[in-house]
Amino acid sequence: MGLSVIGAGLGRTGTLSLKLALEQLALGRCFHMIELMQNQYLLPHWESAGRGESVNWDEMFEGYGATVDWPSSSFYQQLAKHYPEAKVILTTRDAGKWFDSTQATIFNGIEERADPSNPFGSMIQNVIVRMFDGDLHTREHCIAVYEKHNAEVRRVISADRLLEFNVSEGWGPLCKFLGKPIPEVPFPRVNSTDEFQSRFADRASGAN
């Protein structure tokens, strides 16, 4: 199938909402960190990518038409080169709100999850923790990394291939960019901080 959309936005920028939106637009299954958590047989690919080794992207994304969120957002340049016809979407939000959200969700306890002795922890260490030079809690530092990443995406990806998108904008800009009709359903709004915390609380308690 090959990827037709590559998400370059970092986690906590509305990536899960975008995943669901892209799937509703019939672009095929969309890869997201949640997919990796559910299909950990794919972890060796991401471990290799995190070590800077060659990766068979077609094998990695077999059955997928799009990808968003970490870990793939850290490799948007390689993916954009490998899939030259794919469009790139940079999800963004206010930098301060993004930082606050990371501290309440994905960066909360990340050091414990980044245990290099297991494949998932190794991926987190090499792809996410390394991106922030091991400091995922200093506000000014994290925001600087976030803004540098976004600026690099704007620099690297040609304007005609890139959509900078805040999910609060809804279907309009996204559908125009992708040449798709606007669905007659509300734009997905999921994975708020409260929802994220509730999901992990359920996992910790063994609830389904």
N, C-alpha and C. Protein backbone atom coordinates (compact mmCIF):
# COMPACT_ATOMS: atom_id res chain seq x y z
N MET A 1 0.84 -1.21 0.00
CA MET A 1 0.00 0.00 0.00
C MET A 1 0.87 1.25 0.00
N GLY A 2 1.82 1.31 0.93
CA GLY A 2 2.65 2.51 1.04
C GLY A 2 1.93 3.61 1.78
N LEU A 3 2.68 4.47 2.43
CA LEU A 3 2.09 5.57 3.19
C LEU A 3 1.69 6.71 2.27
N SER A 4 0.49 7.26 2.50
CA SER A 4 0.06 8.45 1.78
C SER A 4 0.10 9.68 2.66
N VAL A 5 0.18 9.48 3.99
CA VAL A 5 0.26 10.59 4.94
C VAL A 5 1.29 10.26 6.01
N ILE A 6 2.16 11.20 6.29
CA ILE A 6 3.18 11.07 7.33
C ILE A 6 2.97 12.17 8.35
N GLY A 7 2.75 11.79 9.60
CA GLY A 7 2.59 12.78 10.66
C GLY A 7 3.93 13.14 11.26
N ALA A 8 4.26 14.42 11.25
CA ALA A 8 5.54 14.88 11.81
C ALA A 8 5.38 15.50 13.19
N GLY A 9 4.16 15.64 13.67
CA GLY A 9 3.93 16.26 14.97
C GLY A 9 4.28 15.34 16.13
N LEU A 10 4.83 15.91 17.19
CA LEU A 10 5.19 15.12 18.36
C LEU A 10 3.95 14.70 19.14
N GLY A 11 4.14 13.73 20.03
CA GLY A 11 3.06 13.28 20.87
C GLY A 11 2.46 14.41 21.69
N ARG A 12 1.18 14.31 22.01
CA ARG A 12 0.39 15.30 22.76
C ARG A 12 0.10 16.54 21.94
N THR A 13 0.03 16.38 20.61
CA THR A 13 -0.39 17.49 19.74
C THR A 13 -1.67 17.11 18.99
N GLY A 14 -2.44 16.19 19.53
CA GLY A 14 -3.67 15.76 18.87
C GLY A 14 -3.48 14.62 17.92
N THR A 15 -2.41 13.84 18.11
CA THR A 15 -2.09 12.80 17.14
C THR A 15 -3.10 11.66 17.12
N LEU A 16 -3.68 11.32 18.26
CA LEU A 16 -4.67 10.23 18.26
C LEU A 16 -5.95 10.68 17.56
N SER A 17 -6.34 11.93 17.78
CA SER A 17 -7.50 12.47 17.06
C SER A 17 -7.24 12.45 15.56
N LEU A 18 -6.01 12.82 15.15
CA LEU A 18 -5.67 12.81 13.74
C LEU A 18 -5.68 11.39 13.19
N LYS A 19 -5.18 10.43 13.94
CA LYS A 19 -5.21 9.04 13.51
C LYS A 19 -6.64 8.62 13.16
N LEU A 20 -7.55 8.89 14.07
CA LEU A 20 -8.95 8.49 13.84
C LEU A 20 -9.56 9.24 12.67
N ALA A 21 -9.20 10.52 12.53
CA ALA A 21 -9.71 11.32 11.41
C ALA A 21 -9.22 10.76 10.08
N LEU A 22 -7.95 10.42 9.99
CA LEU A 22 -7.41 9.87 8.75
C LEU A 22 -8.06 8.55 8.41
N GLU A 23 -8.33 7.74 9.41
CA GLU A 23 -9.00 6.45 9.15
C GLU A 23 -10.43 6.67 8.70
N GLN A 24 -11.10 7.69 9.23
CA GLN A 24 -12.45 8.01 8.78
C GLN A 24 -12.46 8.52 7.35
N LEU A 25 -11.36 9.09 6.92
CA LEU A 25 -11.26 9.58 5.55
C LEU A 25 -10.84 8.48 4.57
N ALA A 26 -10.85 7.24 5.05
CA ALA A 26 -10.58 6.08 4.22
C ALA A 26 -9.16 6.08 3.65
N LEU A 27 -8.20 6.51 4.46
CA LEU A 27 -6.81 6.48 4.04
C LEU A 27 -6.11 5.22 4.50
N GLY A 28 -6.88 4.29 5.01
CA GLY A 28 -6.30 3.05 5.50
C GLY A 28 -5.96 3.14 6.98
N ARG A 29 -5.49 2.05 7.51
CA ARG A 29 -5.12 1.99 8.91
C ARG A 29 -3.98 2.97 9.17
N CYS A 30 -4.03 3.65 10.31
CA CYS A 30 -3.02 4.67 10.64
C CYS A 30 -2.20 4.21 11.84
N PHE A 31 -0.89 4.18 11.65
CA PHE A 31 0.01 3.77 12.72
C PHE A 31 0.14 4.88 13.76
N HIS A 32 0.24 4.49 15.02
CA HIS A 32 0.32 5.41 16.16
C HIS A 32 1.00 4.63 17.28
N MET A 33 1.53 5.31 18.27
CA MET A 33 2.17 4.62 19.39
C MET A 33 1.25 3.55 19.99
N ILE A 34 -0.04 3.81 20.00
CA ILE A 34 -0.98 2.82 20.52
C ILE A 34 -0.89 1.52 19.73
N GLU A 35 -0.71 1.64 18.41
CA GLU A 35 -0.56 0.44 17.58
C GLU A 35 0.68 -0.34 17.98
N LEU A 36 1.75 0.36 18.29
CA LEU A 36 2.99 -0.31 18.67
C LEU A 36 2.84 -1.00 20.02
N MET A 37 2.11 -0.39 20.92
CA MET A 37 1.88 -1.00 22.22
C MET A 37 1.08 -2.29 22.07
N GLN A 38 0.22 -2.34 21.06
CA GLN A 38 -0.62 -3.51 20.84
C GLN A 38 0.03 -4.54 19.93
N ASN A 39 1.07 -4.14 19.19
CA ASN A 39 1.73 -5.02 18.23
C ASN A 39 3.25 -4.95 18.44
N GLN A 40 3.70 -5.44 19.57
CA GLN A 40 5.09 -5.24 19.94
C GLN A 40 6.07 -6.08 19.11
N TYR A 41 5.55 -6.95 18.23
CA TYR A 41 6.44 -7.66 17.32
C TYR A 41 7.12 -6.69 16.35
N LEU A 42 6.59 -5.46 16.25
CA LEU A 42 7.18 -4.44 15.39
C LEU A 42 8.34 -3.70 16.06
N LEU A 43 8.54 -3.93 17.35
CA LEU A 43 9.55 -3.18 18.09
C LEU A 43 10.97 -3.31 17.52
N PRO A 44 11.39 -4.48 17.04
CA PRO A 44 12.76 -4.57 16.50
C PRO A 44 13.04 -3.56 15.39
N HIS A 45 12.01 -3.26 14.57
CA HIS A 45 12.20 -2.26 13.53
C HIS A 45 12.54 -0.90 14.14
N TRP A 46 11.79 -0.55 15.19
CA TRP A 46 11.99 0.77 15.80
C TRP A 46 13.26 0.82 16.63
N GLU A 47 13.64 -0.32 17.21
CA GLU A 47 14.94 -0.36 17.90
C GLU A 47 16.05 -0.09 16.90
N SER A 48 15.96 -0.70 15.73
CA SER A 48 16.98 -0.48 14.70
C SER A 48 16.99 0.97 14.25
N ALA A 49 15.81 1.53 14.03
CA ALA A 49 15.72 2.94 13.61
C ALA A 49 16.33 3.85 14.66
N GLY A 50 16.03 3.56 15.95
CA GLY A 50 16.56 4.37 17.02
C GLY A 50 18.08 4.32 17.13
N ARG A 51 18.66 3.22 16.67
CA ARG A 51 20.13 3.08 16.67
C ARG A 51 20.75 3.63 15.39
N GLY A 52 19.92 4.16 14.51
CA GLY A 52 20.43 4.72 13.27
C GLY A 52 20.72 3.70 12.21
N GLU A 53 20.20 2.50 12.36
CA GLU A 53 20.43 1.43 11.40
C GLU A 53 19.39 1.48 10.28
N SER A 54 19.66 0.77 9.23
CA SER A 54 18.74 0.71 8.09
C SER A 54 17.47 -0.03 8.49
N VAL A 55 16.34 0.48 8.00
CA VAL A 55 15.04 -0.10 8.33
C VAL A 55 14.28 -0.36 7.04
N ASN A 56 13.60 -1.49 6.97
CA ASN A 56 12.72 -1.78 5.83
C ASN A 56 11.37 -1.14 6.13
N TRP A 57 11.19 0.10 5.67
CA TRP A 57 9.97 0.83 6.00
C TRP A 57 8.72 0.17 5.40
N ASP A 58 8.85 -0.43 4.23
CA ASP A 58 7.69 -1.07 3.62
C ASP A 58 7.22 -2.26 4.46
N GLU A 59 8.16 -2.99 5.02
CA GLU A 59 7.79 -4.10 5.91
C GLU A 59 7.21 -3.56 7.21
N MET A 60 7.81 -2.47 7.72
CA MET A 60 7.34 -1.87 8.96
C MET A 60 5.88 -1.44 8.84
N PHE A 61 5.54 -0.80 7.71
CA PHE A 61 4.21 -0.23 7.56
C PHE A 61 3.30 -1.06 6.67
N GLU A 62 3.58 -2.33 6.55
CA GLU A 62 2.70 -3.20 5.77
C GLU A 62 1.28 -3.17 6.35
N GLY A 63 0.31 -2.88 5.52
CA GLY A 63 -1.08 -2.81 5.97
C GLY A 63 -1.51 -1.44 6.46
N TYR A 64 -0.59 -0.46 6.46
CA TYR A 64 -0.91 0.89 6.92
C TYR A 64 -0.87 1.87 5.76
N GLY A 65 -1.77 2.86 5.82
CA GLY A 65 -1.79 3.91 4.81
C GLY A 65 -1.30 5.24 5.32
N ALA A 66 -1.10 5.35 6.64
CA ALA A 66 -0.65 6.60 7.24
C ALA A 66 0.04 6.30 8.56
N THR A 67 0.78 7.27 9.06
CA THR A 67 1.42 7.14 10.37
C THR A 67 1.49 8.49 11.05
N VAL A 68 1.27 8.52 12.36
CA VAL A 68 1.34 9.75 13.15
C VAL A 68 1.95 9.41 14.51
N ASP A 69 2.31 10.43 15.26
CA ASP A 69 2.79 10.27 16.64
C ASP A 69 4.18 9.65 16.66
N TRP A 70 4.75 9.57 17.88
CA TRP A 70 5.96 8.80 18.07
C TRP A 70 5.66 7.32 17.91
N PRO A 71 6.61 6.51 17.49
CA PRO A 71 7.99 6.87 17.17
C PRO A 71 8.21 7.42 15.77
N SER A 72 7.22 7.27 14.88
CA SER A 72 7.49 7.61 13.47
C SER A 72 7.74 9.09 13.24
N SER A 73 7.18 9.96 14.10
CA SER A 73 7.37 11.40 13.89
C SER A 73 8.84 11.80 14.01
N SER A 74 9.62 11.00 14.71
CA SER A 74 11.06 11.29 14.81
C SER A 74 11.81 10.94 13.53
N PHE A 75 11.14 10.24 12.63
CA PHE A 75 11.78 9.78 11.39
C PHE A 75 11.05 10.32 10.16
N TYR A 76 10.39 11.47 10.32
CA TYR A 76 9.59 12.00 9.21
C TYR A 76 10.45 12.28 7.98
N GLN A 77 11.71 12.70 8.17
CA GLN A 77 12.56 12.99 7.02
C GLN A 77 12.84 11.72 6.20
N GLN A 78 13.22 10.66 6.90
CA GLN A 78 13.48 9.40 6.20
C GLN A 78 12.23 8.89 5.51
N LEU A 79 11.09 9.01 6.20
CA LEU A 79 9.84 8.52 5.62
C LEU A 79 9.40 9.37 4.43
N ALA A 80 9.58 10.68 4.53
CA ALA A 80 9.21 11.56 3.42
C ALA A 80 10.07 11.27 2.19
N LYS A 81 11.31 10.89 2.42
CA LYS A 81 12.19 10.54 1.30
C LYS A 81 11.80 9.19 0.71
N HIS A 82 11.45 8.25 1.58
CA HIS A 82 11.11 6.90 1.12
C HIS A 82 9.76 6.88 0.41
N TYR A 83 8.83 7.74 0.87
CA TYR A 83 7.50 7.81 0.26
C TYR A 83 7.32 9.21 -0.34
N PRO A 84 7.92 9.48 -1.49
CA PRO A 84 7.96 10.84 -2.04
C PRO A 84 6.60 11.41 -2.42
N GLU A 85 5.59 10.57 -2.58
CA GLU A 85 4.25 11.05 -2.91
C GLU A 85 3.41 11.34 -1.67
N ALA A 86 3.89 10.92 -0.52
CA ALA A 86 3.12 11.10 0.72
C ALA A 86 3.09 12.57 1.14
N LYS A 87 1.97 12.98 1.69
CA LYS A 87 1.85 14.33 2.25
C LYS A 87 2.22 14.28 3.73
N VAL A 88 2.68 15.43 4.24
CA VAL A 88 3.17 15.50 5.61
C VAL A 88 2.29 16.46 6.42
N ILE A 89 1.89 16.02 7.59
CA ILE A 89 1.06 16.84 8.47
C ILE A 89 1.81 17.09 9.77
N LEU A 90 2.01 18.35 10.09
CA LEU A 90 2.65 18.75 11.35
C LEU A 90 1.56 19.23 12.30
N THR A 91 1.18 18.37 13.24
CA THR A 91 0.22 18.78 14.27
C THR A 91 0.93 19.65 15.29
N THR A 92 0.29 20.75 15.65
CA THR A 92 0.88 21.69 16.61
C THR A 92 -0.16 22.13 17.64
N ARG A 93 0.33 22.67 18.72
CA ARG A 93 -0.53 23.32 19.72
C ARG A 93 0.34 24.32 20.46
N ASP A 94 -0.26 25.15 21.29
CA ASP A 94 0.49 26.09 22.10
C ASP A 94 1.60 25.36 22.86
N ALA A 95 2.81 25.87 22.77
CA ALA A 95 3.96 25.16 23.33
C ALA A 95 3.84 24.95 24.84
N GLY A 96 3.35 25.96 25.55
CA GLY A 96 3.21 25.82 27.00
C GLY A 96 2.19 24.76 27.36
N LYS A 97 1.07 24.74 26.64
CA LYS A 97 0.05 23.73 26.91
C LYS A 97 0.55 22.34 26.53
N TRP A 98 1.33 22.28 25.45
CA TRP A 98 1.93 21.00 25.08
C TRP A 98 2.81 20.48 26.21
N PHE A 99 3.70 21.34 26.75
CA PHE A 99 4.59 20.91 27.82
C PHE A 99 3.79 20.43 29.03
N ASP A 100 2.80 21.22 29.44
CA ASP A 100 1.99 20.84 30.61
C ASP A 100 1.33 19.48 30.39
N SER A 101 0.86 19.24 29.17
CA SER A 101 0.21 17.98 28.87
C SER A 101 1.20 16.82 28.94
N THR A 102 2.41 17.02 28.44
CA THR A 102 3.40 15.93 28.49
C THR A 102 3.72 15.55 29.93
N GLN A 103 3.79 16.54 30.81
CA GLN A 103 4.15 16.26 32.21
C GLN A 103 3.06 15.49 32.93
N ALA A 104 1.83 15.67 32.51
CA ALA A 104 0.71 14.97 33.15
C ALA A 104 0.45 13.61 32.51
N THR A 105 1.12 13.33 31.37
CA THR A 105 0.81 12.10 30.64
C THR A 105 2.09 11.36 30.25
N ILE A 106 2.53 11.52 29.01
CA ILE A 106 3.56 10.64 28.46
C ILE A 106 4.93 10.79 29.10
N PHE A 107 5.28 11.98 29.62
CA PHE A 107 6.58 12.14 30.26
C PHE A 107 6.54 11.86 31.75
N ASN A 108 5.38 11.61 32.29
CA ASN A 108 5.24 11.31 33.71
C ASN A 108 5.70 9.87 33.95
N GLY A 109 6.84 9.70 34.57
CA GLY A 109 7.39 8.37 34.84
C GLY A 109 8.07 7.73 33.65
N ILE A 110 8.40 8.53 32.63
CA ILE A 110 8.99 7.95 31.42
C ILE A 110 10.35 7.32 31.68
N GLU A 111 11.08 7.83 32.66
CA GLU A 111 12.40 7.27 32.95
C GLU A 111 12.28 5.79 33.35
N GLU A 112 11.24 5.45 34.11
CA GLU A 112 11.05 4.06 34.50
C GLU A 112 10.66 3.20 33.30
N ARG A 113 9.90 3.76 32.38
CA ARG A 113 9.48 3.00 31.20
C ARG A 113 10.61 2.85 30.19
N ALA A 114 11.61 3.74 30.26
CA ALA A 114 12.72 3.70 29.30
C ALA A 114 13.82 2.76 29.75
N ASP A 115 13.46 1.59 30.20
CA ASP A 115 14.41 0.59 30.66
C ASP A 115 15.03 -0.09 29.44
N PRO A 116 16.32 0.12 29.18
CA PRO A 116 16.94 -0.45 27.98
C PRO A 116 17.02 -1.96 27.97
N SER A 117 16.67 -2.61 29.08
CA SER A 117 16.75 -4.07 29.13
C SER A 117 15.57 -4.74 28.44
N ASN A 118 14.53 -3.96 28.09
CA ASN A 118 13.41 -4.54 27.35
C ASN A 118 13.20 -3.75 26.07
N PRO A 119 12.65 -4.38 25.03
CA PRO A 119 12.55 -3.74 23.72
C PRO A 119 11.76 -2.44 23.72
N PHE A 120 10.64 -2.39 24.43
CA PHE A 120 9.84 -1.17 24.42
C PHE A 120 10.59 -0.04 25.12
N GLY A 121 11.22 -0.35 26.23
CA GLY A 121 12.00 0.66 26.94
C GLY A 121 13.18 1.15 26.13
N SER A 122 13.80 0.24 25.39
CA SER A 122 14.92 0.63 24.53
C SER A 122 14.46 1.59 23.45
N MET A 123 13.29 1.34 22.87
CA MET A 123 12.74 2.23 21.85
C MET A 123 12.47 3.62 22.44
N ILE A 124 11.86 3.66 23.62
CA ILE A 124 11.57 4.94 24.27
C ILE A 124 12.86 5.71 24.53
N GLN A 125 13.87 5.00 25.01
CA GLN A 125 15.15 5.63 25.32
C GLN A 125 15.79 6.21 24.07
N ASN A 126 15.84 5.43 23.00
CA ASN A 126 16.56 5.84 21.79
C ASN A 126 15.80 6.84 20.94
N VAL A 127 14.47 6.80 20.99
CA VAL A 127 13.67 7.66 20.12
C VAL A 127 13.19 8.92 20.82
N ILE A 128 12.73 8.81 22.06
CA ILE A 128 12.12 9.96 22.74
C ILE A 128 13.08 10.60 23.73
N VAL A 129 13.57 9.82 24.69
CA VAL A 129 14.44 10.38 25.72
C VAL A 129 15.67 11.04 25.10
N ARG A 130 16.27 10.37 24.11
CA ARG A 130 17.46 10.92 23.47
C ARG A 130 17.15 12.23 22.76
N MET A 131 15.96 12.37 22.21
CA MET A 131 15.58 13.59 21.50
C MET A 131 15.66 14.81 22.42
N PHE A 132 15.38 14.57 23.71
CA PHE A 132 15.39 15.65 24.70
C PHE A 132 16.66 15.63 25.54
N ASP A 133 17.67 14.92 25.08
CA ASP A 133 18.95 14.83 25.80
C ASP A 133 18.77 14.38 27.24
N GLY A 134 17.78 13.52 27.46
CA GLY A 134 17.56 12.96 28.77
C GLY A 134 16.81 13.86 29.74
N ASP A 135 16.51 15.09 29.35
CA ASP A 135 15.82 16.03 30.24
C ASP A 135 14.41 16.27 29.70
N LEU A 136 13.43 15.58 30.27
CA LEU A 136 12.05 15.68 29.79
C LEU A 136 11.16 16.44 30.76
N HIS A 137 11.76 17.19 31.69
CA HIS A 137 10.94 17.86 32.70
C HIS A 137 11.26 19.34 32.89
N THR A 138 12.34 19.83 32.29
CA THR A 138 12.64 21.26 32.39
C THR A 138 11.86 22.00 31.32
N ARG A 139 11.00 22.91 31.76
CA ARG A 139 10.05 23.55 30.85
C ARG A 139 10.74 24.23 29.66
N GLU A 140 11.70 25.09 29.95
CA GLU A 140 12.34 25.85 28.87
C GLU A 140 13.05 24.92 27.89
N HIS A 141 13.70 23.92 28.40
CA HIS A 141 14.43 22.98 27.54
C HIS A 141 13.47 22.21 26.64
N CYS A 142 12.42 21.64 27.22
CA CYS A 142 11.48 20.83 26.43
C CYS A 142 10.79 21.67 25.37
N ILE A 143 10.39 22.88 25.72
CA ILE A 143 9.73 23.75 24.75
C ILE A 143 10.70 24.11 23.63
N ALA A 144 11.95 24.32 23.97
CA ALA A 144 12.95 24.63 22.94
C ALA A 144 13.11 23.47 21.96
N VAL A 145 13.13 22.23 22.48
CA VAL A 145 13.24 21.05 21.61
C VAL A 145 12.00 20.93 20.73
N TYR A 146 10.84 21.14 21.33
CA TYR A 146 9.57 21.08 20.60
C TYR A 146 9.55 22.10 19.46
N GLU A 147 9.91 23.33 19.76
CA GLU A 147 9.88 24.38 18.74
C GLU A 147 10.95 24.16 17.68
N LYS A 148 12.10 23.64 18.08
CA LYS A 148 13.15 23.34 17.11
C LYS A 148 12.69 22.25 16.15
N HIS A 149 12.04 21.24 16.67
CA HIS A 149 11.52 20.16 15.82
C HIS A 149 10.53 20.72 14.80
N ASN A 150 9.59 21.52 15.25
CA ASN A 150 8.59 22.07 14.35
C ASN A 150 9.22 22.96 13.29
N ALA A 151 10.19 23.77 13.70
CA ALA A 151 10.87 24.64 12.74
C ALA A 151 11.62 23.83 11.70
N GLU A 152 12.20 22.72 12.12
CA GLU A 152 12.94 21.86 11.19
C GLU A 152 11.99 21.22 10.18
N VAL A 153 10.82 20.81 10.64
CA VAL A 153 9.84 20.25 9.71
C VAL A 153 9.48 21.28 8.65
N ARG A 154 9.22 22.51 9.07
CA ARG A 154 8.86 23.56 8.12
C ARG A 154 9.99 23.83 7.14
N ARG A 155 11.22 23.69 7.61
CA ARG A 155 12.37 23.95 6.74
C ARG A 155 12.59 22.82 5.74
N VAL A 156 12.43 21.59 6.20
CA VAL A 156 12.79 20.43 5.40
C VAL A 156 11.71 20.07 4.38
N ILE A 157 10.45 20.16 4.77
CA ILE A 157 9.35 19.72 3.91
C ILE A 157 8.84 20.90 3.09
N SER A 158 8.72 20.72 1.79
CA SER A 158 8.27 21.80 0.91
C SER A 158 6.84 22.22 1.28
N ALA A 159 6.56 23.49 1.11
CA ALA A 159 5.28 24.05 1.54
C ALA A 159 4.09 23.39 0.85
N ASP A 160 4.26 22.98 -0.40
CA ASP A 160 3.15 22.37 -1.12
C ASP A 160 2.85 20.95 -0.65
N ARG A 161 3.75 20.41 0.14
CA ARG A 161 3.58 19.04 0.64
C ARG A 161 3.20 19.00 2.11
N LEU A 162 3.20 20.15 2.77
CA LEU A 162 3.07 20.22 4.23
C LEU A 162 1.79 20.93 4.66
N LEU A 163 1.10 20.35 5.63
CA LEU A 163 -0.01 21.01 6.32
C LEU A 163 0.37 21.16 7.78
N GLU A 164 0.40 22.39 8.26
CA GLU A 164 0.54 22.64 9.70
C GLU A 164 -0.86 22.72 10.26
N PHE A 165 -1.17 21.84 11.20
CA PHE A 165 -2.56 21.60 11.56
C PHE A 165 -2.74 21.54 13.08
N ASN A 166 -3.70 22.33 13.57
CA ASN A 166 -4.16 22.22 14.95
C ASN A 166 -5.50 21.50 14.90
N VAL A 167 -5.64 20.41 15.65
CA VAL A 167 -6.85 19.61 15.53
C VAL A 167 -8.11 20.39 15.91
N SER A 168 -7.95 21.51 16.62
CA SER A 168 -9.12 22.34 16.95
C SER A 168 -9.73 22.96 15.70
N GLU A 169 -8.98 22.95 14.57
CA GLU A 169 -9.49 23.50 13.33
C GLU A 169 -10.51 22.58 12.65
N GLY A 170 -10.55 21.33 13.06
CA GLY A 170 -11.55 20.41 12.53
C GLY A 170 -11.27 19.93 11.11
N TRP A 171 -12.32 19.47 10.46
CA TRP A 171 -12.20 18.81 9.17
C TRP A 171 -11.72 19.71 8.04
N GLY A 172 -12.10 20.98 8.05
CA GLY A 172 -11.89 21.84 6.90
C GLY A 172 -10.49 21.83 6.31
N PRO A 173 -9.48 22.30 7.06
CA PRO A 173 -8.12 22.35 6.49
C PRO A 173 -7.58 20.97 6.12
N LEU A 174 -7.91 19.97 6.92
CA LEU A 174 -7.41 18.62 6.67
C LEU A 174 -7.98 18.07 5.36
N CYS A 175 -9.28 18.18 5.19
CA CYS A 175 -9.92 17.63 3.99
C CYS A 175 -9.50 18.40 2.74
N LYS A 176 -9.34 19.70 2.85
CA LYS A 176 -8.88 20.49 1.71
C LYS A 176 -7.48 20.05 1.29
N PHE A 177 -6.61 19.85 2.27
CA PHE A 177 -5.23 19.45 2.01
C PHE A 177 -5.16 18.08 1.34
N LEU A 178 -6.03 17.17 1.77
CA LEU A 178 -6.00 15.79 1.28
C LEU A 178 -6.94 15.57 0.09
N GLY A 179 -7.70 16.60 -0.27
CA GLY A 179 -8.63 16.46 -1.38
C GLY A 179 -9.78 15.52 -1.09
N LYS A 180 -10.26 15.55 0.15
CA LYS A 180 -11.33 14.66 0.57
C LYS A 180 -12.58 15.46 0.94
N PRO A 181 -13.77 14.91 0.70
CA PRO A 181 -15.00 15.59 1.15
C PRO A 181 -15.09 15.59 2.67
N ILE A 182 -15.70 16.60 3.23
CA ILE A 182 -15.84 16.69 4.68
C ILE A 182 -16.89 15.69 5.16
N PRO A 183 -16.55 14.81 6.08
CA PRO A 183 -17.52 13.82 6.58
C PRO A 183 -18.68 14.48 7.32
N GLU A 184 -19.78 13.79 7.34
CA GLU A 184 -20.97 14.31 8.03
C GLU A 184 -21.00 13.83 9.47
N VAL A 185 -19.85 13.80 10.08
CA VAL A 185 -19.72 13.43 11.50
C VAL A 185 -18.74 14.40 12.14
N PRO A 186 -18.83 14.62 13.44
CA PRO A 186 -17.90 15.54 14.09
C PRO A 186 -16.46 15.05 13.98
N PHE A 187 -15.52 15.99 13.97
CA PHE A 187 -14.10 15.63 13.98
C PHE A 187 -13.78 14.92 15.29
N PRO A 188 -13.00 13.86 15.28
CA PRO A 188 -12.67 13.13 16.52
C PRO A 188 -11.97 14.02 17.54
N ARG A 189 -12.40 13.94 18.77
CA ARG A 189 -11.75 14.66 19.88
C ARG A 189 -11.48 13.64 20.97
N VAL A 190 -10.28 13.12 21.01
CA VAL A 190 -9.97 12.02 21.93
C VAL A 190 -8.63 12.24 22.60
N ASN A 191 -8.40 11.41 23.64
CA ASN A 191 -7.11 11.34 24.35
C ASN A 191 -6.74 12.63 25.06
N SER A 192 -7.73 13.26 25.70
CA SER A 192 -7.43 14.38 26.56
C SER A 192 -6.55 13.90 27.71
N THR A 193 -6.00 14.84 28.47
CA THR A 193 -5.17 14.45 29.61
C THR A 193 -5.94 13.55 30.56
N ASP A 194 -7.20 13.89 30.85
CA ASP A 194 -8.00 13.07 31.76
C ASP A 194 -8.21 11.66 31.19
N GLU A 195 -8.48 11.57 29.88
CA GLU A 195 -8.68 10.26 29.26
C GLU A 195 -7.39 9.43 29.30
N PHE A 196 -6.27 10.08 29.03
CA PHE A 196 -4.98 9.39 29.07
C PHE A 196 -4.72 8.84 30.47
N GLN A 197 -4.90 9.67 31.48
CA GLN A 197 -4.64 9.24 32.85
C GLN A 197 -5.58 8.11 33.26
N SER A 198 -6.83 8.20 32.83
CA SER A 198 -7.80 7.15 33.15
C SER A 198 -7.42 5.84 32.49
N ARG A 199 -6.95 5.89 31.24
CA ARG A 199 -6.56 4.68 30.52
C ARG A 199 -5.42 3.97 31.24
N PHE A 200 -4.41 4.75 31.68
CA PHE A 200 -3.27 4.12 32.35
C PHE A 200 -3.62 3.65 33.76
N ALA A 201 -4.57 4.33 34.39
CA ALA A 201 -5.03 3.87 35.70
C ALA A 201 -5.74 2.53 35.55
N ASP A 202 -6.52 2.38 34.48
CA ASP A 202 -7.19 1.11 34.23
C ASP A 202 -6.19 0.00 33.98
N ARG A 203 -5.12 0.29 33.22
CA ARG A 203 -4.11 -0.73 32.96
C ARG A 203 -3.42 -1.15 34.24
N ALA A 204 -3.12 -0.16 35.08
CA ALA A 204 -2.41 -0.45 36.33
C ALA A 204 -3.27 -1.31 37.26
N SER A 205 -4.61 -1.13 37.20
CA SER A 205 -5.50 -1.88 38.07
C SER A 205 -5.94 -3.20 37.46
N GLY A 206 -5.58 -3.40 36.18
CA GLY A 206 -5.95 -4.65 35.51
C GLY A 206 -7.32 -4.59 34.88
N ALA A 207 -7.94 -3.38 34.83
CA ALA A 207 -9.25 -3.26 34.22
C ALA A 207 -9.12 -3.31 32.70
N ASN A 208 -10.20 -3.71 32.00
CA ASN A 208 -10.21 -3.76 30.55
C ASN A 208 -10.82 -2.48 29.98
